N, C-alpha and C. Protein backbone atom coordinates (compact mmCIF):
# COMPACT_ATOMS: atom_id res chain seq x y z
N MET A 1 0.84 -1.20 0.00
CA MET A 1 0.00 0.00 0.00
C MET A 1 0.87 1.25 0.00
N PRO A 2 0.41 2.35 -0.65
CA PRO A 2 1.17 3.60 -0.62
C PRO A 2 1.34 4.11 0.80
N ASP A 3 2.47 4.73 1.03
CA ASP A 3 2.76 5.30 2.35
C ASP A 3 2.07 6.67 2.44
N PRO A 4 1.03 6.83 3.28
CA PRO A 4 0.33 8.13 3.36
C PRO A 4 1.25 9.23 3.86
N GLY A 5 2.24 8.88 4.67
CA GLY A 5 3.18 9.90 5.13
C GLY A 5 4.01 10.46 4.00
N ALA A 6 4.44 9.58 3.08
CA ALA A 6 5.21 10.04 1.92
C ALA A 6 4.37 10.95 1.04
N THR A 7 3.09 10.59 0.86
CA THR A 7 2.19 11.42 0.06
C THR A 7 2.02 12.80 0.68
N ALA A 8 1.89 12.84 2.00
CA ALA A 8 1.74 14.12 2.68
C ALA A 8 3.00 14.97 2.53
N ASP A 9 4.17 14.31 2.63
CA ASP A 9 5.43 15.04 2.46
C ASP A 9 5.53 15.64 1.07
N THR A 10 5.16 14.84 0.06
CA THR A 10 5.22 15.32 -1.32
C THR A 10 4.28 16.50 -1.52
N THR A 11 3.08 16.42 -0.97
CA THR A 11 2.12 17.53 -1.09
C THR A 11 2.67 18.78 -0.42
N ALA A 12 3.26 18.63 0.75
CA ALA A 12 3.84 19.78 1.45
C ALA A 12 4.97 20.42 0.63
N ASP A 13 5.78 19.57 -0.01
CA ASP A 13 6.87 20.10 -0.84
C ASP A 13 6.31 20.88 -2.02
N ARG A 14 5.29 20.34 -2.67
CA ARG A 14 4.71 21.03 -3.82
C ARG A 14 4.08 22.36 -3.41
N LEU A 15 3.43 22.39 -2.27
CA LEU A 15 2.85 23.64 -1.79
C LEU A 15 3.94 24.65 -1.45
N ALA A 16 5.03 24.18 -0.85
CA ALA A 16 6.13 25.09 -0.50
C ALA A 16 6.78 25.67 -1.75
N ILE A 17 6.93 24.84 -2.77
CA ILE A 17 7.55 25.32 -4.01
C ILE A 17 6.62 26.31 -4.71
N ARG A 18 5.34 26.00 -4.75
CA ARG A 18 4.40 26.93 -5.38
C ARG A 18 4.38 28.27 -4.64
N ASP A 19 4.42 28.22 -3.33
CA ASP A 19 4.45 29.44 -2.53
C ASP A 19 5.69 30.26 -2.84
N LEU A 20 6.82 29.58 -2.99
CA LEU A 20 8.08 30.25 -3.32
C LEU A 20 7.99 30.94 -4.68
N VAL A 21 7.46 30.21 -5.67
CA VAL A 21 7.32 30.78 -7.02
C VAL A 21 6.44 32.02 -7.00
N GLU A 22 5.34 31.96 -6.23
CA GLU A 22 4.44 33.11 -6.16
C GLU A 22 5.08 34.27 -5.41
N ASN A 23 5.83 33.96 -4.35
CA ASN A 23 6.52 35.02 -3.61
C ASN A 23 7.53 35.75 -4.48
N TRP A 24 8.18 35.03 -5.38
CA TRP A 24 9.16 35.66 -6.29
C TRP A 24 8.49 36.81 -7.05
N VAL A 25 7.34 36.52 -7.63
CA VAL A 25 6.66 37.51 -8.47
C VAL A 25 6.08 38.65 -7.63
N VAL A 26 5.38 38.31 -6.57
CA VAL A 26 4.71 39.35 -5.78
C VAL A 26 5.74 40.28 -5.13
N SER A 27 6.77 39.71 -4.53
CA SER A 27 7.74 40.55 -3.83
C SER A 27 8.58 41.37 -4.80
N ARG A 28 8.97 40.78 -5.94
CA ARG A 28 9.77 41.56 -6.89
C ARG A 28 8.97 42.71 -7.47
N ASP A 29 7.75 42.44 -7.92
CA ASP A 29 6.96 43.48 -8.57
C ASP A 29 6.53 44.57 -7.59
N ALA A 30 6.42 44.21 -6.30
CA ALA A 30 6.05 45.20 -5.28
C ALA A 30 7.25 45.94 -4.71
N GLY A 31 8.46 45.53 -5.08
CA GLY A 31 9.65 46.16 -4.54
C GLY A 31 9.94 45.76 -3.10
N ASP A 32 9.51 44.56 -2.69
CA ASP A 32 9.78 44.06 -1.34
C ASP A 32 11.07 43.23 -1.41
N TRP A 33 12.21 43.90 -1.37
CA TRP A 33 13.48 43.27 -1.69
C TRP A 33 13.94 42.28 -0.63
N GLU A 34 13.63 42.51 0.62
CA GLU A 34 14.02 41.56 1.66
C GLU A 34 13.25 40.25 1.51
N ARG A 35 11.98 40.33 1.22
CA ARG A 35 11.20 39.11 0.99
C ARG A 35 11.64 38.43 -0.30
N PHE A 36 11.95 39.22 -1.30
CA PHE A 36 12.43 38.67 -2.57
C PHE A 36 13.70 37.86 -2.36
N ARG A 37 14.56 38.33 -1.49
CA ARG A 37 15.82 37.63 -1.22
C ARG A 37 15.58 36.23 -0.64
N THR A 38 14.49 36.02 0.07
CA THR A 38 14.26 34.76 0.77
C THR A 38 13.95 33.59 -0.17
N VAL A 39 13.61 33.86 -1.42
CA VAL A 39 13.25 32.75 -2.32
C VAL A 39 14.48 32.10 -2.93
N TRP A 40 15.64 32.72 -2.78
CA TRP A 40 16.87 32.23 -3.41
C TRP A 40 17.76 31.52 -2.39
N HIS A 41 18.50 30.53 -2.86
CA HIS A 41 19.65 30.06 -2.10
C HIS A 41 20.81 31.04 -2.32
N ASP A 42 21.81 30.99 -1.43
CA ASP A 42 22.90 31.96 -1.49
C ASP A 42 23.65 31.91 -2.81
N ASP A 43 23.70 30.74 -3.44
CA ASP A 43 24.38 30.61 -4.73
C ASP A 43 23.41 30.66 -5.90
N GLY A 44 22.20 31.19 -5.66
CA GLY A 44 21.19 31.26 -6.71
C GLY A 44 21.64 32.07 -7.90
N TRP A 45 21.13 31.71 -9.07
CA TRP A 45 21.55 32.34 -10.33
C TRP A 45 20.31 32.67 -11.15
N MET A 46 20.29 33.87 -11.73
CA MET A 46 19.16 34.32 -12.55
C MET A 46 19.58 34.50 -13.99
N MET A 47 18.78 33.93 -14.89
CA MET A 47 18.96 34.14 -16.32
C MET A 47 17.74 34.91 -16.83
N ALA A 48 17.97 35.99 -17.56
CA ALA A 48 16.90 36.76 -18.17
C ALA A 48 17.43 37.36 -19.46
N THR A 49 16.55 37.93 -20.26
CA THR A 49 17.01 38.56 -21.50
C THR A 49 18.05 39.63 -21.23
N TRP A 50 17.86 40.39 -20.15
CA TRP A 50 18.68 41.57 -19.89
C TRP A 50 19.68 41.38 -18.76
N PHE A 51 19.67 40.22 -18.11
CA PHE A 51 20.56 39.98 -16.97
C PHE A 51 20.86 38.50 -16.86
N GLN A 52 22.14 38.18 -16.61
CA GLN A 52 22.56 36.82 -16.33
C GLN A 52 23.61 36.89 -15.23
N GLY A 53 23.28 36.37 -14.04
CA GLY A 53 24.26 36.45 -12.96
C GLY A 53 23.69 36.02 -11.62
N PRO A 54 24.47 36.27 -10.55
CA PRO A 54 24.06 35.84 -9.21
C PRO A 54 22.77 36.52 -8.75
N ALA A 55 22.00 35.81 -7.95
CA ALA A 55 20.73 36.33 -7.46
C ALA A 55 20.92 37.64 -6.70
N GLU A 56 21.95 37.72 -5.88
CA GLU A 56 22.15 38.94 -5.09
C GLU A 56 22.37 40.15 -5.99
N GLU A 57 23.10 39.96 -7.09
CA GLU A 57 23.30 41.04 -8.05
C GLU A 57 22.00 41.35 -8.78
N PHE A 58 21.21 40.33 -9.07
CA PHE A 58 19.91 40.54 -9.71
C PHE A 58 18.99 41.36 -8.82
N ILE A 59 19.01 41.08 -7.53
CA ILE A 59 18.21 41.86 -6.58
C ILE A 59 18.64 43.32 -6.61
N ARG A 60 19.95 43.55 -6.62
CA ARG A 60 20.47 44.92 -6.61
C ARG A 60 20.04 45.69 -7.86
N VAL A 61 20.25 45.09 -9.05
CA VAL A 61 19.93 45.83 -10.27
C VAL A 61 18.42 45.96 -10.46
N SER A 62 17.66 44.97 -9.98
CA SER A 62 16.20 45.08 -10.06
C SER A 62 15.71 46.23 -9.19
N ARG A 63 16.30 46.37 -8.02
CA ARG A 63 15.93 47.46 -7.12
C ARG A 63 16.28 48.81 -7.74
N GLU A 64 17.47 48.90 -8.32
CA GLU A 64 17.89 50.16 -8.95
C GLU A 64 16.94 50.52 -10.09
N GLY A 65 16.55 49.54 -10.90
CA GLY A 65 15.62 49.81 -11.98
C GLY A 65 14.25 50.22 -11.48
N PHE A 66 13.78 49.54 -10.45
CA PHE A 66 12.48 49.85 -9.84
C PHE A 66 12.47 51.30 -9.36
N GLU A 67 13.56 51.72 -8.73
CA GLU A 67 13.62 53.06 -8.15
C GLU A 67 13.74 54.16 -9.20
N ARG A 68 14.21 53.81 -10.38
CA ARG A 68 14.26 54.83 -11.44
C ARG A 68 13.12 54.71 -12.43
N GLY A 69 12.13 53.84 -12.12
CA GLY A 69 10.90 53.80 -12.89
C GLY A 69 10.83 52.76 -13.99
N VAL A 70 11.78 51.83 -14.04
CA VAL A 70 11.68 50.75 -15.02
C VAL A 70 10.45 49.91 -14.66
N SER A 71 9.57 49.69 -15.62
CA SER A 71 8.29 49.00 -15.37
C SER A 71 8.31 47.61 -15.99
N ILE A 72 8.62 46.60 -15.17
CA ILE A 72 8.57 45.20 -15.59
C ILE A 72 7.71 44.45 -14.58
N LEU A 73 6.59 43.91 -15.03
CA LEU A 73 5.66 43.22 -14.14
C LEU A 73 5.44 41.79 -14.64
N HIS A 74 4.95 40.92 -13.74
CA HIS A 74 4.79 39.50 -14.05
C HIS A 74 3.41 39.01 -13.61
N PHE A 75 2.91 38.04 -14.34
CA PHE A 75 1.66 37.38 -13.96
C PHE A 75 1.85 35.88 -14.14
N LEU A 76 1.35 35.08 -13.18
CA LEU A 76 1.58 33.64 -13.18
C LEU A 76 0.32 32.85 -13.54
N GLY A 77 0.56 31.68 -14.15
CA GLY A 77 -0.48 30.70 -14.40
C GLY A 77 -0.18 29.42 -13.64
N GLY A 78 -0.47 28.28 -14.26
CA GLY A 78 -0.30 27.00 -13.60
C GLY A 78 1.16 26.59 -13.45
N THR A 79 1.41 25.68 -12.50
CA THR A 79 2.75 25.16 -12.22
C THR A 79 2.75 23.65 -12.30
N ALA A 80 3.78 23.09 -12.95
CA ALA A 80 4.03 21.65 -12.95
C ALA A 80 5.37 21.41 -12.26
N ILE A 81 5.40 20.48 -11.32
CA ILE A 81 6.58 20.26 -10.49
C ILE A 81 7.01 18.80 -10.58
N ASP A 82 8.29 18.57 -10.88
CA ASP A 82 8.89 17.25 -10.82
C ASP A 82 9.79 17.20 -9.60
N LEU A 83 9.53 16.24 -8.71
CA LEU A 83 10.27 16.10 -7.46
C LEU A 83 11.18 14.88 -7.50
N ALA A 84 12.37 15.04 -6.93
CA ALA A 84 13.31 13.92 -6.78
C ALA A 84 14.06 14.13 -5.46
N GLY A 85 13.46 13.70 -4.36
CA GLY A 85 14.08 13.89 -3.05
C GLY A 85 14.17 15.36 -2.68
N ASP A 86 15.39 15.84 -2.50
CA ASP A 86 15.61 17.23 -2.12
C ASP A 86 15.80 18.15 -3.32
N ARG A 87 15.49 17.66 -4.50
CA ARG A 87 15.61 18.47 -5.70
C ARG A 87 14.28 18.51 -6.44
N ALA A 88 14.11 19.58 -7.22
CA ALA A 88 12.88 19.71 -7.99
C ALA A 88 13.13 20.58 -9.21
N ILE A 89 12.32 20.37 -10.22
CA ILE A 89 12.19 21.27 -11.36
C ILE A 89 10.74 21.74 -11.37
N ALA A 90 10.54 23.06 -11.40
CA ALA A 90 9.20 23.65 -11.49
C ALA A 90 9.09 24.45 -12.78
N GLN A 91 8.02 24.19 -13.51
CA GLN A 91 7.70 25.00 -14.69
C GLN A 91 6.39 25.74 -14.42
N THR A 92 6.42 27.05 -14.57
CA THR A 92 5.26 27.88 -14.25
C THR A 92 4.94 28.78 -15.43
N LYS A 93 3.72 28.68 -15.93
CA LYS A 93 3.29 29.59 -16.99
C LYS A 93 3.30 31.03 -16.47
N MET A 94 3.76 31.95 -17.31
CA MET A 94 3.88 33.34 -16.87
C MET A 94 3.77 34.27 -18.06
N THR A 95 3.52 35.55 -17.73
CA THR A 95 3.69 36.62 -18.70
C THR A 95 4.58 37.68 -18.09
N ILE A 96 5.41 38.28 -18.93
CA ILE A 96 6.22 39.43 -18.56
C ILE A 96 5.65 40.63 -19.29
N SER A 97 5.35 41.68 -18.57
CA SER A 97 4.79 42.90 -19.16
C SER A 97 5.73 44.06 -18.87
N GLN A 98 6.23 44.69 -19.94
CA GLN A 98 7.13 45.83 -19.76
C GLN A 98 6.59 47.04 -20.51
N ARG A 99 6.56 48.18 -19.83
CA ARG A 99 6.15 49.44 -20.45
C ARG A 99 7.40 50.30 -20.63
N ALA A 100 7.58 50.81 -21.84
CA ALA A 100 8.79 51.58 -22.13
C ALA A 100 8.57 52.46 -23.35
N GLN A 101 9.41 53.48 -23.46
CA GLN A 101 9.44 54.29 -24.66
C GLN A 101 10.18 53.52 -25.75
N VAL A 102 9.52 53.29 -26.87
CA VAL A 102 10.12 52.57 -27.99
C VAL A 102 10.14 53.52 -29.18
N ASP A 103 11.30 53.98 -29.53
CA ASP A 103 11.46 54.93 -30.64
C ASP A 103 10.53 56.13 -30.48
N GLY A 104 10.46 56.62 -29.24
CA GLY A 104 9.71 57.82 -28.95
C GLY A 104 8.23 57.61 -28.68
N VAL A 105 7.76 56.37 -28.68
CA VAL A 105 6.35 56.07 -28.46
C VAL A 105 6.23 55.17 -27.24
N LEU A 106 5.34 55.51 -26.30
CA LEU A 106 5.14 54.69 -25.12
C LEU A 106 4.40 53.42 -25.51
N CYS A 107 5.02 52.26 -25.20
CA CYS A 107 4.48 50.97 -25.63
C CYS A 107 4.44 49.98 -24.47
N ASP A 108 3.56 49.01 -24.59
CA ASP A 108 3.54 47.84 -23.71
C ASP A 108 3.99 46.63 -24.51
N VAL A 109 4.94 45.89 -23.96
CA VAL A 109 5.35 44.61 -24.54
C VAL A 109 4.91 43.52 -23.58
N VAL A 110 4.23 42.51 -24.09
CA VAL A 110 3.79 41.37 -23.28
C VAL A 110 4.39 40.11 -23.87
N CYS A 111 5.13 39.40 -23.03
CA CYS A 111 5.79 38.16 -23.45
C CYS A 111 5.23 37.00 -22.64
N THR A 112 4.81 35.95 -23.33
CA THR A 112 4.27 34.75 -22.70
C THR A 112 5.31 33.65 -22.70
N GLY A 113 5.43 32.94 -21.59
CA GLY A 113 6.39 31.84 -21.53
C GLY A 113 6.25 31.05 -20.25
N ARG A 114 7.38 30.50 -19.80
CA ARG A 114 7.42 29.71 -18.57
C ARG A 114 8.67 30.07 -17.77
N PHE A 115 8.53 30.09 -16.46
CA PHE A 115 9.70 30.05 -15.59
C PHE A 115 10.10 28.59 -15.42
N TYR A 116 11.35 28.29 -15.68
CA TYR A 116 11.88 26.94 -15.52
C TYR A 116 12.88 27.01 -14.39
N ASP A 117 12.51 26.48 -13.21
CA ASP A 117 13.29 26.66 -11.99
C ASP A 117 13.95 25.37 -11.53
N PHE A 118 15.25 25.48 -11.26
CA PHE A 118 16.01 24.42 -10.59
C PHE A 118 15.98 24.73 -9.09
N LEU A 119 15.38 23.83 -8.31
CA LEU A 119 15.20 24.08 -6.88
C LEU A 119 15.84 22.98 -6.05
N GLU A 120 16.20 23.36 -4.82
CA GLU A 120 16.78 22.39 -3.90
C GLU A 120 16.33 22.70 -2.48
N ARG A 121 16.12 21.64 -1.72
CA ARG A 121 15.80 21.79 -0.30
C ARG A 121 17.10 21.67 0.50
N ARG A 122 17.41 22.72 1.24
CA ARG A 122 18.61 22.74 2.07
C ARG A 122 18.21 23.16 3.48
N ALA A 123 18.68 22.42 4.45
CA ALA A 123 18.35 22.70 5.85
C ALA A 123 16.83 22.82 6.02
N GLY A 124 16.09 22.01 5.28
CA GLY A 124 14.64 21.97 5.41
C GLY A 124 13.88 23.01 4.62
N ALA A 125 14.58 23.87 3.89
CA ALA A 125 13.91 24.97 3.16
C ALA A 125 14.20 24.88 1.67
N TRP A 126 13.15 25.01 0.86
CA TRP A 126 13.31 25.05 -0.58
C TRP A 126 13.78 26.44 -1.02
N GLY A 127 14.62 26.48 -2.06
CA GLY A 127 15.06 27.74 -2.62
C GLY A 127 15.45 27.56 -4.08
N ILE A 128 15.51 28.65 -4.80
CA ILE A 128 15.88 28.61 -6.22
C ILE A 128 17.40 28.57 -6.34
N VAL A 129 17.88 27.61 -7.12
CA VAL A 129 19.29 27.53 -7.47
C VAL A 129 19.53 28.20 -8.82
N LEU A 130 18.61 28.02 -9.74
CA LEU A 130 18.70 28.63 -11.07
C LEU A 130 17.31 28.88 -11.60
N ARG A 131 17.07 30.08 -12.09
CA ARG A 131 15.83 30.38 -12.81
C ARG A 131 16.17 30.71 -14.25
N GLN A 132 15.61 29.93 -15.16
CA GLN A 132 15.79 30.13 -16.60
C GLN A 132 14.42 30.28 -17.26
N PRO A 133 14.02 31.49 -17.62
CA PRO A 133 12.75 31.63 -18.34
C PRO A 133 12.82 31.01 -19.74
N ILE A 134 11.67 30.55 -20.19
CA ILE A 134 11.47 30.10 -21.56
C ILE A 134 10.53 31.11 -22.20
N TYR A 135 10.93 31.69 -23.33
CA TYR A 135 10.18 32.76 -23.97
C TYR A 135 9.45 32.19 -25.19
N GLU A 136 8.12 32.16 -25.14
CA GLU A 136 7.34 31.45 -26.15
C GLU A 136 6.80 32.37 -27.26
N LYS A 137 6.26 33.52 -26.89
CA LYS A 137 5.80 34.48 -27.91
C LYS A 137 5.63 35.83 -27.24
N ASP A 138 5.66 36.90 -28.06
CA ASP A 138 5.44 38.23 -27.48
C ASP A 138 4.78 39.14 -28.50
N ARG A 139 4.38 40.30 -28.01
CA ARG A 139 3.76 41.31 -28.87
C ARG A 139 4.03 42.69 -28.30
N LEU A 140 3.90 43.69 -29.14
CA LEU A 140 4.09 45.09 -28.75
C LEU A 140 2.87 45.89 -29.16
N ASP A 141 2.36 46.72 -28.24
CA ASP A 141 1.20 47.57 -28.51
C ASP A 141 1.49 48.98 -28.02
N GLN A 142 1.08 49.96 -28.80
CA GLN A 142 1.17 51.34 -28.36
C GLN A 142 0.15 51.59 -27.25
N VAL A 143 0.57 52.28 -26.19
CA VAL A 143 -0.36 52.64 -25.12
C VAL A 143 -1.47 53.54 -25.67
N ASP A 144 -1.09 54.47 -26.52
CA ASP A 144 -2.06 55.29 -27.25
C ASP A 144 -2.28 54.64 -28.61
N PRO A 145 -3.45 54.05 -28.86
CA PRO A 145 -3.65 53.33 -30.12
C PRO A 145 -3.49 54.20 -31.37
N SER A 146 -3.63 55.51 -31.22
CA SER A 146 -3.50 56.39 -32.38
C SER A 146 -2.05 56.72 -32.71
N ALA A 147 -1.13 56.40 -31.80
CA ALA A 147 0.29 56.66 -32.05
C ALA A 147 0.85 55.64 -33.02
N GLU A 148 1.87 56.04 -33.76
CA GLU A 148 2.50 55.14 -34.71
C GLU A 148 3.97 54.95 -34.33
N VAL A 149 4.41 53.70 -34.38
CA VAL A 149 5.81 53.40 -34.13
C VAL A 149 6.33 52.55 -35.29
N ALA A 150 7.47 52.95 -35.85
CA ALA A 150 8.08 52.22 -36.96
C ALA A 150 9.32 51.51 -36.43
N LEU A 151 9.22 50.19 -36.28
CA LEU A 151 10.31 49.41 -35.71
C LEU A 151 11.40 49.16 -36.75
N ASP A 152 12.64 49.15 -36.29
CA ASP A 152 13.79 48.88 -37.14
C ASP A 152 13.84 47.36 -37.41
N PRO A 153 13.60 46.92 -38.64
CA PRO A 153 13.53 45.47 -38.90
C PRO A 153 14.85 44.75 -38.64
N GLU A 154 15.97 45.44 -38.84
CA GLU A 154 17.27 44.80 -38.60
C GLU A 154 17.46 44.50 -37.13
N LEU A 155 17.11 45.48 -36.26
CA LEU A 155 17.23 45.28 -34.84
C LEU A 155 16.22 44.24 -34.37
N LEU A 156 15.01 44.29 -34.86
CA LEU A 156 13.97 43.34 -34.47
C LEU A 156 14.39 41.91 -34.81
N GLY A 157 15.09 41.76 -35.93
CA GLY A 157 15.48 40.44 -36.38
C GLY A 157 16.65 39.82 -35.63
N ARG A 158 17.24 40.55 -34.69
CA ARG A 158 18.36 40.01 -33.94
C ARG A 158 17.93 38.95 -32.92
N PHE A 159 16.65 38.96 -32.56
CA PHE A 159 16.20 38.14 -31.44
C PHE A 159 15.24 37.06 -31.91
N PRO A 160 15.18 35.93 -31.19
CA PRO A 160 14.22 34.87 -31.54
C PRO A 160 12.79 35.37 -31.45
N ALA A 161 11.89 34.68 -32.14
CA ALA A 161 10.49 35.11 -32.18
C ALA A 161 9.86 35.18 -30.80
N GLY A 162 10.31 34.35 -29.86
CA GLY A 162 9.71 34.32 -28.54
C GLY A 162 9.83 35.59 -27.74
N TYR A 163 10.90 36.38 -27.98
CA TYR A 163 11.05 37.65 -27.25
C TYR A 163 11.60 38.75 -28.15
N ARG A 164 11.19 38.73 -29.39
CA ARG A 164 11.67 39.70 -30.38
C ARG A 164 11.34 41.13 -29.99
N HIS A 165 10.09 41.38 -29.63
CA HIS A 165 9.68 42.74 -29.30
C HIS A 165 10.18 43.15 -27.91
N LEU A 166 10.20 42.20 -26.98
CA LEU A 166 10.74 42.49 -25.66
C LEU A 166 12.22 42.87 -25.75
N GLY A 167 12.98 42.09 -26.52
CA GLY A 167 14.39 42.41 -26.71
C GLY A 167 14.58 43.77 -27.36
N TYR A 168 13.75 44.08 -28.34
CA TYR A 168 13.81 45.37 -29.03
C TYR A 168 13.60 46.52 -28.04
N ALA A 169 12.54 46.40 -27.24
CA ALA A 169 12.24 47.46 -26.28
C ALA A 169 13.35 47.61 -25.26
N GLN A 170 13.91 46.49 -24.80
CA GLN A 170 14.95 46.56 -23.78
C GLN A 170 16.24 47.15 -24.34
N ILE A 171 16.56 46.85 -25.59
CA ILE A 171 17.71 47.49 -26.23
C ILE A 171 17.50 49.00 -26.31
N ARG A 172 16.31 49.41 -26.67
CA ARG A 172 16.01 50.84 -26.84
C ARG A 172 16.12 51.63 -25.54
N ILE A 173 15.94 50.97 -24.38
CA ILE A 173 16.07 51.70 -23.11
C ILE A 173 17.43 51.45 -22.45
N GLY A 174 18.35 50.82 -23.20
CA GLY A 174 19.73 50.77 -22.74
C GLY A 174 20.24 49.46 -22.20
N PHE A 175 19.42 48.39 -22.22
CA PHE A 175 19.89 47.09 -21.76
C PHE A 175 20.66 46.36 -22.86
N GLU A 176 21.59 45.51 -22.45
CA GLU A 176 22.15 44.52 -23.36
C GLU A 176 21.27 43.28 -23.27
N VAL A 177 20.93 42.70 -24.41
CA VAL A 177 19.97 41.59 -24.45
C VAL A 177 20.63 40.34 -25.02
N LYS A 178 20.51 39.24 -24.30
CA LYS A 178 21.08 37.96 -24.73
C LYS A 178 20.27 37.43 -25.92
N PRO A 179 20.93 37.04 -27.00
CA PRO A 179 20.19 36.71 -28.22
C PRO A 179 19.82 35.24 -28.38
N ASP A 180 20.11 34.39 -27.39
CA ASP A 180 19.90 32.95 -27.61
C ASP A 180 19.22 32.27 -26.42
N MET A 181 18.21 32.92 -25.87
CA MET A 181 17.46 32.32 -24.77
C MET A 181 16.49 31.27 -25.33
N PRO A 182 16.13 30.25 -24.51
CA PRO A 182 15.27 29.19 -25.02
C PRO A 182 13.85 29.68 -25.32
N GLY A 183 13.29 29.09 -26.39
CA GLY A 183 11.92 29.39 -26.79
C GLY A 183 11.05 28.15 -26.67
N LEU A 184 9.92 28.19 -27.34
CA LEU A 184 8.95 27.09 -27.24
C LEU A 184 9.53 25.78 -27.78
N THR A 185 10.29 25.87 -28.88
CA THR A 185 10.90 24.69 -29.48
C THR A 185 12.35 25.03 -29.85
N GLY A 186 13.10 24.00 -30.24
CA GLY A 186 14.45 24.22 -30.72
C GLY A 186 15.52 23.67 -29.81
N PRO A 187 16.78 23.73 -30.25
CA PRO A 187 17.88 23.12 -29.49
C PRO A 187 18.13 23.76 -28.13
N ASP A 188 17.88 25.06 -28.00
CA ASP A 188 18.14 25.72 -26.71
C ASP A 188 17.22 25.20 -25.62
N VAL A 189 15.94 25.03 -25.93
CA VAL A 189 15.00 24.53 -24.91
C VAL A 189 15.20 23.03 -24.69
N GLU A 190 15.58 22.29 -25.74
CA GLU A 190 15.86 20.87 -25.55
C GLU A 190 17.07 20.67 -24.64
N ASP A 191 18.06 21.52 -24.79
CA ASP A 191 19.22 21.47 -23.90
C ASP A 191 18.81 21.78 -22.46
N LEU A 192 17.91 22.74 -22.28
CA LEU A 192 17.42 23.07 -20.95
C LEU A 192 16.70 21.88 -20.31
N TYR A 193 15.85 21.22 -21.07
CA TYR A 193 15.15 20.04 -20.54
C TYR A 193 16.15 18.96 -20.12
N ALA A 194 17.20 18.78 -20.92
CA ALA A 194 18.21 17.78 -20.60
C ALA A 194 18.94 18.15 -19.31
N ARG A 195 19.23 19.42 -19.13
CA ARG A 195 19.87 19.87 -17.90
C ARG A 195 18.95 19.68 -16.70
N GLY A 196 17.65 19.90 -16.90
CA GLY A 196 16.69 19.68 -15.83
C GLY A 196 16.65 18.22 -15.40
N ALA A 197 16.67 17.30 -16.37
CA ALA A 197 16.68 15.88 -16.05
C ALA A 197 17.95 15.50 -15.31
N LEU A 198 19.07 16.08 -15.73
CA LEU A 198 20.35 15.81 -15.06
C LEU A 198 20.32 16.33 -13.62
N TRP A 199 19.72 17.49 -13.43
CA TRP A 199 19.61 18.06 -12.08
C TRP A 199 18.82 17.14 -11.15
N LEU A 200 17.72 16.62 -11.63
CA LEU A 200 16.91 15.71 -10.83
C LEU A 200 17.66 14.41 -10.51
N ALA A 201 18.59 14.05 -11.38
CA ALA A 201 19.38 12.83 -11.18
C ALA A 201 20.62 13.06 -10.32
N GLY A 202 20.81 14.32 -9.85
CA GLY A 202 21.94 14.61 -8.95
C GLY A 202 23.06 15.39 -9.56
N GLY A 203 22.90 15.83 -10.82
CA GLY A 203 23.96 16.57 -11.50
C GLY A 203 23.91 18.07 -11.21
N PRO A 204 24.82 18.83 -11.83
CA PRO A 204 24.84 20.29 -11.66
C PRO A 204 23.73 20.95 -12.46
N PRO A 205 23.41 22.22 -12.15
CA PRO A 205 22.34 22.89 -12.89
C PRO A 205 22.76 23.43 -14.24
N ASP A 206 24.08 23.42 -14.53
CA ASP A 206 24.53 23.95 -15.83
C ASP A 206 25.55 23.03 -16.48
């Protein structure tokens, strides 16, 4: 017969991981930096279009951007979690919404994708070791529908379809944007899935 204690432990782990994923979004978007820090392990690492580096540095630059008015918000959907003892991979549907001046026109860019999180339980607490978003599709809309914006096709074409407009907007406001982040399909996301399987089997996250 199944061990009811094991089932309860697994349920508690899934709830703790989901709570952590939700705290990441709520605390970051609200500018609650101390709470935001609690979702990461000390060696946590963040990958994003505009930033790749240690979690503590990500907290610092996110705070600086928040304080100067950079508008990047997140919304979450469902989560799927694979558990292997003290390790887990969580995939969470999400949208990234950024408002910015794009070639002189105020625009909203909305990117749909997934957060792909490498997690570990240490000293009884779950935390993020690596967060790698997957960028599936995006769009750009003028805040004022009557405004016209003419995008530079050469610049737009530098980025994969999953975050083409997001990358464009971020370049225009001064960020450097990584051109090879994983999308819905292709070798980059297949490599990410392979790394996730290796992580669950006891390997490194990269």
